[in-house]
PDB file of N, CA and C in Angstrom:
ATOM      1  N   MET A   1      23.955   8.446   6.058  1.00  0.00           N
ATOM      2  CA  MET A   1      22.282   8.525   6.374  1.00  0.00           C
ATOM      3  C   MET A   1      22.022   8.054   4.973  1.00  0.00           C
ATOM      4  N   PRO A   2      21.047   7.272   4.752  1.00  0.00           N
ATOM      5  CA  PRO A   2      20.439   6.690   3.573  1.00  0.00           C
ATOM      6  C   PRO A   2      19.209   7.921   3.221  1.00  0.00           C
ATOM      7  N   GLU A   3      18.791   8.303   2.160  1.00  0.00           N
ATOM      8  CA  GLU A   3      18.004   9.111   1.587  1.00  0.00           C
ATOM      9  C   GLU A   3      16.539   8.692   1.529  1.00  0.00           C
ATOM     10  N   LYS A   4      16.128   9.882   2.228  1.00  0.00           N
ATOM     11  CA  LYS A   4      14.229   9.835   2.484  1.00  0.00           C
ATOM     12  C   LYS A   4      13.905   9.126   0.519  1.00  0.00           C
ATOM     13  N   ILE A   5      13.073   8.322   0.854  1.00  0.00           N
ATOM     14  CA  ILE A   5      12.396   7.700  -0.132  1.00  0.00           C
ATOM     15  C   ILE A   5      11.096   8.727  -0.087  1.00  0.00           C
ATOM     16  N   TYR A   6      10.471   8.461   0.733  1.00  0.00           N
ATOM     17  CA  TYR A   6       8.793   9.081   1.265  1.00  0.00           C
ATOM     18  C   TYR A   6       8.804  10.123   2.039  1.00  0.00           C
ATOM     19  N   SER A   7       8.663  11.227   1.677  1.00  0.00           N
ATOM     20  CA  SER A   7       8.922  12.499   2.459  1.00  0.00           C
ATOM     21  C   SER A   7       7.204  12.866   2.704  1.00  0.00           C
ATOM     22  N   PHE A   8       6.639  13.802   3.709  1.00  0.00           N
ATOM     23  CA  PHE A   8       5.525  14.691   3.796  1.00  0.00           C
ATOM     24  C   PHE A   8       5.713  15.908   4.343  1.00  0.00           C
ATOM     25  N   ASN A   9       5.648  16.951   3.509  1.00  0.00           N
ATOM     26  CA  ASN A   9       5.887  18.318   4.550  1.00  0.00           C
ATOM     27  C   ASN A   9       7.124  18.334   5.108  1.00  0.00           C
ATOM     28  N   GLY A  10       8.412  17.774   4.263  1.00  0.00           N
ATOM     29  CA  GLY A  10       9.595  17.534   4.547  1.00  0.00           C
ATOM     30  C   GLY A  10      10.106  16.823   5.503  1.00  0.00           C
ATOM     31  N   LYS A  11       9.147  16.148   6.130  1.00  0.00           N
ATOM     32  CA  LYS A  11       9.567  15.306   6.972  1.00  0.00           C
ATOM     33  C   LYS A  11       9.862  13.655   6.197  1.00  0.00           C
ATOM     34  N   ASP A  12      10.530  12.860   6.747  1.00  0.00           N
ATOM     35  CA  ASP A  12      10.951  11.286   6.285  1.00  0.00           C
ATOM     36  C   ASP A  12       9.848  10.701   6.411  1.00  0.00           C
ATOM     37  N   ILE A  13       9.019   9.932   5.914  1.00  0.00           N
ATOM     38  CA  ILE A  13       8.082   8.947   6.305  1.00  0.00           C
ATOM     39  C   ILE A  13       8.245   7.965   5.660  1.00  0.00           C
ATOM     40  N   THR A  14       9.420   7.601   5.433  1.00  0.00           N
ATOM     41  CA  THR A  14       9.765   6.213   4.585  1.00  0.00           C
ATOM     42  C   THR A  14       9.432   4.941   5.533  1.00  0.00           C
ATOM     43  N   MET A  15       9.553   5.252   6.842  1.00  0.00           N
ATOM     44  CA  MET A  15       9.475   4.050   7.504  1.00  0.00           C
ATOM     45  C   MET A  15       8.112   4.089   7.445  1.00  0.00           C
ATOM     46  N   ASN A  16       7.557   5.112   7.978  1.00  0.00           N
ATOM     47  CA  ASN A  16       5.429   4.742   7.881  1.00  0.00           C
ATOM     48  C   ASN A  16       4.786   3.815   7.125  1.00  0.00           C
ATOM     49  N   VAL A  17       5.905   4.214   5.648  1.00  0.00           N
ATOM     50  CA  VAL A  17       5.093   3.871   4.304  1.00  0.00           C
ATOM     51  C   VAL A  17       5.554   2.178   4.484  1.00  0.00           C
ATOM     52  N   CYS A  18       6.471   1.898   4.550  1.00  0.00           N
ATOM     53  CA  CYS A  18       7.253   0.998   4.305  1.00  0.00           C
ATOM     54  C   CYS A  18       6.110  -0.296   5.314  1.00  0.00           C
ATOM     55  N   ILE A  19       5.962   0.244   6.497  1.00  0.00           N
ATOM     56  CA  ILE A  19       5.367  -0.722   7.578  1.00  0.00           C
ATOM     57  C   ILE A  19       3.960  -0.586   6.731  1.00  0.00           C
ATOM     58  N   GLN A  20       3.724   0.446   6.256  1.00  0.00           N
ATOM     59  CA  GLN A  20       2.048   0.329   5.686  1.00  0.00           C
ATOM     60  C   GLN A  20       2.146  -0.690   4.662  1.00  0.00           C
ATOM     61  N   ILE A  21       2.855  -0.707   3.804  1.00  0.00           N
ATOM     62  CA  ILE A  21       2.971  -1.764   2.809  1.00  0.00           C
ATOM     63  C   ILE A  21       3.085  -3.265   2.857  1.00  0.00           C
ATOM     64  N   ARG A  22       4.066  -3.137   4.353  1.00  0.00           N
ATOM     65  CA  ARG A  22       3.919  -4.691   4.525  1.00  0.00           C
ATOM     66  C   ARG A  22       2.596  -5.128   5.409  1.00  0.00           C
ATOM     67  N   ASP A  23       1.608  -3.969   6.202  1.00  0.00           N
ATOM     68  CA  ASP A  23       0.689  -4.473   6.459  1.00  0.00           C
ATOM     69  C   ASP A  23      -0.427  -5.046   5.567  1.00  0.00           C
ATOM     70  N   VAL A  24      -0.141  -4.103   4.635  1.00  0.00           N
ATOM     71  CA  VAL A  24      -1.494  -4.078   3.494  1.00  0.00           C
ATOM     72  C   VAL A  24      -1.258  -5.727   2.913  1.00  0.00           C
ATOM     73  N   ILE A  25       0.188  -6.173   2.478  1.00  0.00           N
ATOM     74  CA  ILE A  25       0.345  -7.252   1.626  1.00  0.00           C
ATOM     75  C   ILE A  25       0.121  -8.300   2.617  1.00  0.00           C
ATOM     76  N   LYS A  26       0.353  -8.262   3.993  1.00  0.00           N
ATOM     77  CA  LYS A  26      -0.041  -9.338   5.012  1.00  0.00           C
ATOM     78  C   LYS A  26      -1.608  -9.398   4.921  1.00  0.00           C
ATOM     79  N   LEU A  27      -2.509  -8.127   4.704  1.00  0.00           N
ATOM     80  CA  LEU A  27      -3.791  -8.502   4.584  1.00  0.00           C
ATOM     81  C   LEU A  27      -4.221  -9.227   3.298  1.00  0.00           C
ATOM     82  N   LEU A  28      -3.666  -8.903   2.250  1.00  0.00           N
ATOM     83  CA  LEU A  28      -3.941  -9.400   0.929  1.00  0.00           C
ATOM     84  C   LEU A  28      -3.352 -10.760   1.035  1.00  0.00           C
ATOM     85  N   GLN A  29      -2.775 -11.382   1.542  1.00  0.00           N
ATOM     86  CA  GLN A  29      -2.339 -12.310   1.869  1.00  0.00           C
ATOM     87  C   GLN A  29      -3.582 -13.558   2.407  1.00  0.00           C
ATOM     88  N   GLN A  30      -3.929 -13.069   3.365  1.00  0.00           N
ATOM     89  CA  GLN A  30      -4.986 -13.416   4.563  1.00  0.00           C
ATOM     90  C   GLN A  30      -5.955 -13.753   3.521  1.00  0.00           C
ATOM     91  N   HIS A  31      -6.364 -12.239   2.851  1.00  0.00           N
ATOM     92  CA  HIS A  31      -7.754 -12.304   2.506  1.00  0.00           C
ATOM     93  C   HIS A  31      -7.918 -13.362   1.127  1.00  0.00           C
ATOM     94  N   PHE A  32      -6.910 -13.209  -0.111  1.00  0.00           N
ATOM     95  CA  PHE A  32      -6.925 -14.097  -1.019  1.00  0.00           C
ATOM     96  C   PHE A  32      -6.158 -15.343  -0.992  1.00  0.00           C
ATOM     97  N   HIS A  33      -5.703 -15.825   0.207  1.00  0.00           N
ATOM     98  CA  HIS A  33      -5.114 -17.010   0.518  1.00  0.00           C
ATOM     99  C   HIS A  33      -4.123 -17.371  -0.461  1.00  0.00           C
ATOM    100  N   ILE A  34      -3.024 -16.189  -0.607  1.00  0.00           N
ATOM    101  CA  ILE A  34      -2.214 -16.352  -1.531  1.00  0.00           C
ATOM    102  C   ILE A  34      -0.398 -16.092  -0.819  1.00  0.00           C
ATOM    103  N   THR A  35       0.721 -16.542  -1.601  1.00  0.00           N
ATOM    104  CA  THR A  35       1.535 -16.383  -1.190  1.00  0.00           C
ATOM    105  C   THR A  35       2.357 -14.775  -0.993  1.00  0.00           C
ATOM    106  N   PHE A  36       3.265 -14.218  -0.008  1.00  0.00           N
ATOM    107  CA  PHE A  36       3.613 -13.433   0.184  1.00  0.00           C
ATOM    108  C   PHE A  36       4.159 -12.775  -1.563  1.00  0.00           C
ATOM    109  N   GLU A  37       4.731 -13.610  -1.812  1.00  0.00           N
ATOM    110  CA  GLU A  37       5.018 -12.734  -3.403  1.00  0.00           C
ATOM    111  C   GLU A  37       4.197 -12.628  -4.326  1.00  0.00           C
ATOM    112  N   GLU A  38       3.184 -13.686  -4.318  1.00  0.00           N
ATOM    113  CA  GLU A  38       2.159 -13.116  -5.217  1.00  0.00           C
ATOM    114  C   GLU A  38       1.327 -11.722  -4.329  1.00  0.00           C
ATOM    115  N   ALA A  39       0.890 -11.665  -3.206  1.00  0.00           N
ATOM    116  CA  ALA A  39       0.417 -10.514  -2.431  1.00  0.00           C
ATOM    117  C   ALA A  39       1.424  -9.161  -3.196  1.00  0.00           C
ATOM    118  N   VAL A  40       2.891  -9.489  -2.898  1.00  0.00           N
ATOM    119  CA  VAL A  40       3.494  -8.477  -3.272  1.00  0.00           C
ATOM    120  C   VAL A  40       3.059  -7.675  -5.014  1.00  0.00           C
ATOM    121  N   LEU A  41       3.400  -8.724  -5.823  1.00  0.00           N
ATOM    122  CA  LEU A  41       2.868  -8.478  -7.164  1.00  0.00           C
ATOM    123  C   LEU A  41       2.014  -8.096  -7.553  1.00  0.00           C
ATOM    124  N   ARG A  42       0.932  -8.180  -6.859  1.00  0.00           N
ATOM    125  CA  ARG A  42      -0.531  -7.986  -6.904  1.00  0.00           C
ATOM    126  C   ARG A  42      -0.743  -6.409  -6.595  1.00  0.00           C
ATOM    127  N   PHE A  43      -0.372  -6.061  -5.165  1.00  0.00           N
ATOM    128  CA  PHE A  43      -0.293  -4.732  -4.687  1.00  0.00           C
ATOM    129  C   PHE A  43       0.706  -3.622  -5.541  1.00  0.00           C
ATOM    130  N   TYR A  44       1.952  -4.059  -5.965  1.00  0.00           N
ATOM    131  CA  TYR A  44       2.832  -3.466  -6.212  1.00  0.00           C
ATOM    132  C   TYR A  44       1.982  -2.508  -7.967  1.00  0.00           C
ATOM    133  N   LYS A  45       1.552  -3.836  -8.477  1.00  0.00           N
ATOM    134  CA  LYS A  45       0.642  -3.465  -9.743  1.00  0.00           C
ATOM    135  C   LYS A  45      -0.485  -2.609 -10.041  1.00  0.00           C
ATOM    136  N   SER A  46      -1.192  -2.356  -8.809  1.00  0.00           N
ATOM    137  CA  SER A  46      -2.210  -1.620  -8.575  1.00  0.00           C
ATOM    138  C   SER A  46      -2.289   0.074  -8.520  1.00  0.00           C
ATOM    139  N   GLU A  47      -3.487   0.437  -8.814  1.00  0.00           N
ATOM    140  CA  GLU A  47      -3.496   2.021  -8.757  1.00  0.00           C
ATOM    141  C   GLU A  47      -3.568   2.047  -7.269  1.00  0.00           C
ATOM    142  N   THR A  48      -3.918   1.426  -6.528  1.00  0.00           N
ATOM    143  CA  THR A  48      -4.057   1.928  -5.028  1.00  0.00           C
ATOM    144  C   THR A  48      -2.525   2.267  -4.543  1.00  0.00           C
ATOM    145  N   TYR A  49      -1.644   1.180  -4.768  1.00  0.00           N
ATOM    146  CA  TYR A  49       0.356   1.218  -4.214  1.00  0.00           C
ATOM    147  C   TYR A  49       0.615   2.900  -5.418  1.00  0.00           C
ATOM    148  N   LYS A  50       0.325   2.718  -5.819  1.00  0.00           N
ATOM    149  CA  LYS A  50       0.529   4.210  -6.996  1.00  0.00           C
ATOM    150  C   LYS A  50       0.336   5.483  -5.923  1.00  0.00           C
ATOM    151  N   THR A  51      -1.238   5.067  -5.658  1.00  0.00           N
ATOM    152  CA  THR A  51      -1.642   6.128  -5.111  1.00  0.00           C
ATOM    153  C   THR A  51      -0.807   6.696  -3.569  1.00  0.00           C
ATOM    154  N   LEU A  52      -0.835   5.238  -2.845  1.00  0.00           N
ATOM    155  CA  LEU A  52       0.194   5.517  -1.832  1.00  0.00           C
ATOM    156  C   LEU A  52       1.614   5.860  -1.813  1.00  0.00           C
ATOM    157  N   GLN A  53       1.852   5.811  -2.861  1.00  0.00           N
ATOM    158  CA  GLN A  53       3.261   6.526  -2.991  1.00  0.00           C
ATOM    159  C   GLN A  53       3.484   7.767  -3.266  1.00  0.00           C
ATOM    160  N   GLU A  54       2.377   8.478  -3.280  1.00  0.00           N
ATOM    161  CA  GLU A  54       2.097  10.044  -3.649  1.00  0.00           C
ATOM    162  C   GLU A  54       1.506  10.465  -2.138  1.00  0.00           C
ATOM    163  N   THR A  55       2.503  11.334  -1.708  1.00  0.00           N
ATOM    164  CA  THR A  55       2.487  11.269  -0.100  1.00  0.00           C
ATOM    165  C   THR A  55       2.233  12.424   0.219  1.00  0.00           C
ATOM    166  N   GLU A  56       1.525  13.003  -0.827  1.00  0.00           N
ATOM    167  CA  GLU A  56       0.841  14.542  -0.112  1.00  0.00           C
ATOM    168  C   GLU A  56      -0.961  14.452  -0.554  1.00  0.00           C
ATOM    169  N   ASN A  57      -1.238  12.954  -0.828  1.00  0.00           N
ATOM    170  CA  ASN A  57      -2.419  12.766  -0.690  1.00  0.00           C
ATOM    171  C   ASN A  57      -3.176  12.152   0.582  1.00  0.00           C
ATOM    172  N   GLY A  58      -2.219  11.916   1.525  1.00  0.00           N
ATOM    173  CA  GLY A  58      -2.268  11.727   2.625  1.00  0.00           C
ATOM    174  C   GLY A  58      -2.737  10.345   3.296  1.00  0.00           C
ATOM    175  N   LEU A  59      -3.014   9.191   1.803  1.00  0.00           N
ATOM    176  CA  LEU A  59      -3.167   7.408   2.512  1.00  0.00           C
ATOM    177  C   LEU A  59      -2.412   6.974   2.633  1.00  0.00           C
ATOM    178  N   TRP A  60      -1.049   7.290   2.998  1.00  0.00           N
ATOM    179  CA  TRP A  60      -0.290   6.422   3.979  1.00  0.00           C
ATOM    180  C   TRP A  60      -0.515   6.567   5.196  1.00  0.00           C
ATOM    181  N   ALA A  61      -1.273   7.583   5.851  1.00  0.00           N
ATOM    182  CA  ALA A  61      -1.705   7.832   7.083  1.00  0.00           C
ATOM    183  C   ALA A  61      -2.939   7.294   7.286  1.00  0.00           C
ATOM    184  N   GLU A  62      -3.581   6.885   6.323  1.00  0.00           N
ATOM    185  CA  GLU A  62      -4.959   5.791   6.794  1.00  0.00           C
ATOM    186  C   GLU A  62      -4.356   4.369   7.360  1.00  0.00           C
ATOM    187  N   SER A  63      -5.213   3.995   7.750  1.00  0.00           N
ATOM    188  CA  SER A  63      -4.844   2.435   8.311  1.00  0.00           C
ATOM    189  C   SER A  63      -4.504   1.476   7.050  1.00  0.00           C
ATOM    190  N   ALA A  64      -4.316   0.275   7.789  1.00  0.00           N
ATOM    191  CA  ALA A  64      -3.916  -0.534   6.620  1.00  0.00           C
ATOM    192  C   ALA A  64      -5.091  -1.166   5.898  1.00  0.00           C
ATOM    193  N   GLU A  65      -6.171  -1.740   6.975  1.00  0.00           N
ATOM    194  CA  GLU A  65      -7.384  -1.929   6.307  1.00  0.00           C
ATOM    195  C   GLU A  65      -7.968  -1.022   5.767  1.00  0.00           C
ATOM    196  N   TYR A  66      -7.989   0.016   5.596  1.00  0.00           N
ATOM    197  CA  TYR A  66      -8.399   1.019   4.943  1.00  0.00           C
ATOM    198  C   TYR A  66      -7.582   1.104   3.186  1.00  0.00           C
ATOM    199  N   ILE A  67      -6.287   1.013   3.476  1.00  0.00           N
ATOM    200  CA  ILE A  67      -5.760   0.446   2.356  1.00  0.00           C
ATOM    201  C   ILE A  67      -6.092  -0.385   1.378  1.00  0.00           C
ATOM    202  N   ALA A  68      -6.359  -1.580   2.065  1.00  0.00           N
ATOM    203  CA  ALA A  68      -6.278  -2.870   2.018  1.00  0.00           C
ATOM    204  C   ALA A  68      -7.883  -3.002   1.297  1.00  0.00           C
ATOM    205  N   ASP A  69      -8.688  -2.210   1.751  1.00  0.00           N
ATOM    206  CA  ASP A  69      -9.914  -1.925   1.213  1.00  0.00           C
ATOM    207  C   ASP A  69     -10.114  -1.340  -0.009  1.00  0.00           C
ATOM    208  N   ARG A  70      -9.165   0.202   0.047  1.00  0.00           N
ATOM    209  CA  ARG A  70      -9.145   0.598  -1.571  1.00  0.00           C
ATOM    210  C   ARG A  70      -9.025  -0.374  -2.406  1.00  0.00           C
ATOM    211  N   TYR A  71      -7.689  -1.263  -2.299  1.00  0.00           N
ATOM    212  CA  TYR A  71      -7.335  -2.235  -3.751  1.00  0.00           C
ATOM    213  C   TYR A  71      -8.442  -3.274  -3.757  1.00  0.00           C
ATOM    214  N   TYR A  72      -9.028  -3.736  -2.612  1.00  0.00           N
ATOM    215  CA  TYR A  72     -10.167  -4.750  -2.751  1.00  0.00           C
ATOM    216  C   TYR A  72     -11.276  -3.758  -4.049  1.00  0.00           C
ATOM    217  N   GLU A  73     -11.866  -2.757  -3.819  1.00  0.00           N
ATOM    218  CA  GLU A  73     -12.660  -2.186  -4.339  1.00  0.00           C
ATOM    219  C   GLU A  73     -11.787  -2.015  -5.996  1.00  0.00           C
ATOM    220  N   GLU A  74     -10.530  -1.348  -5.635  1.00  0.00           N
ATOM    221  CA  GLU A  74      -9.878  -1.584  -6.866  1.00  0.00           C
ATOM    222  C   GLU A  74      -9.985  -2.860  -7.666  1.00  0.00           C
ATOM    223  N   ASN A  75      -9.604  -3.665  -7.223  1.00  0.00           N
ATOM    224  CA  ASN A  75      -9.730  -5.358  -7.816  1.00  0.00           C
ATOM    225  C   ASN A  75     -10.928  -5.510  -8.017  1.00  0.00           C
ATOM    226  N   GLN A  76     -12.134  -5.267  -7.384  1.00  0.00           N
ATOM    227  CA  GLN A  76     -13.392  -5.812  -7.864  1.00  0.00           C
ATOM    228  C   GLN A  76     -14.149  -5.140  -9.140  1.00  0.00           C
ATOM    229  N   SER A  77     -13.564  -3.676  -9.357  1.00  0.00           N
ATOM    230  CA  SER A  77     -13.922  -2.607 -10.519  1.00  0.00           C
ATOM    231  C   SER A  77     -13.286  -3.065 -11.528  1.00  0.00           C
ATOM    232  N   SER A  78     -11.899  -3.195 -11.425  1.00  0.00           N
ATOM    233  CA  SER A  78     -11.265  -3.758 -12.611  1.00  0.00           C
ATOM    234  C   SER A  78     -11.652  -5.331 -12.890  1.00  0.00           C
ATOM    235  N   HIS A  79     -12.269  -6.098 -12.453  1.00  0.00           N
ATOM    236  CA  HIS A  79     -13.106  -7.393 -13.142  1.00  0.00           C
ATOM    237  C   HIS A  79     -14.579  -7.499 -13.545  1.00  0.00           C
ATOM    238  N   ASN A  80     -15.061  -6.413 -13.097  1.00  0.00           N
ATOM    239  CA  ASN A  80     -16.641  -6.520 -13.688  1.00  0.00           C
ATOM    240  C   ASN A  80     -16.388  -5.922 -15.234  1.00  0.00           C
TER     241      ASN A  80
END
């Protein structure tokens, strides 16, 4: 059995987090009109992605749209 990558309160939530990442990347592709690869690179370098990996904060339980909005806000503030 594969080891847990992401857990919350002792439960394996790896699949939940992976689905969120996939859905956020799709949203970034649509929003910025970029390739999958570009969306992955941008998201993986973001503070939003780092926050998503810290499962105790519960960001993983929010909607993909909410997480993408956090990314857009981060992206906007870093370009001002």
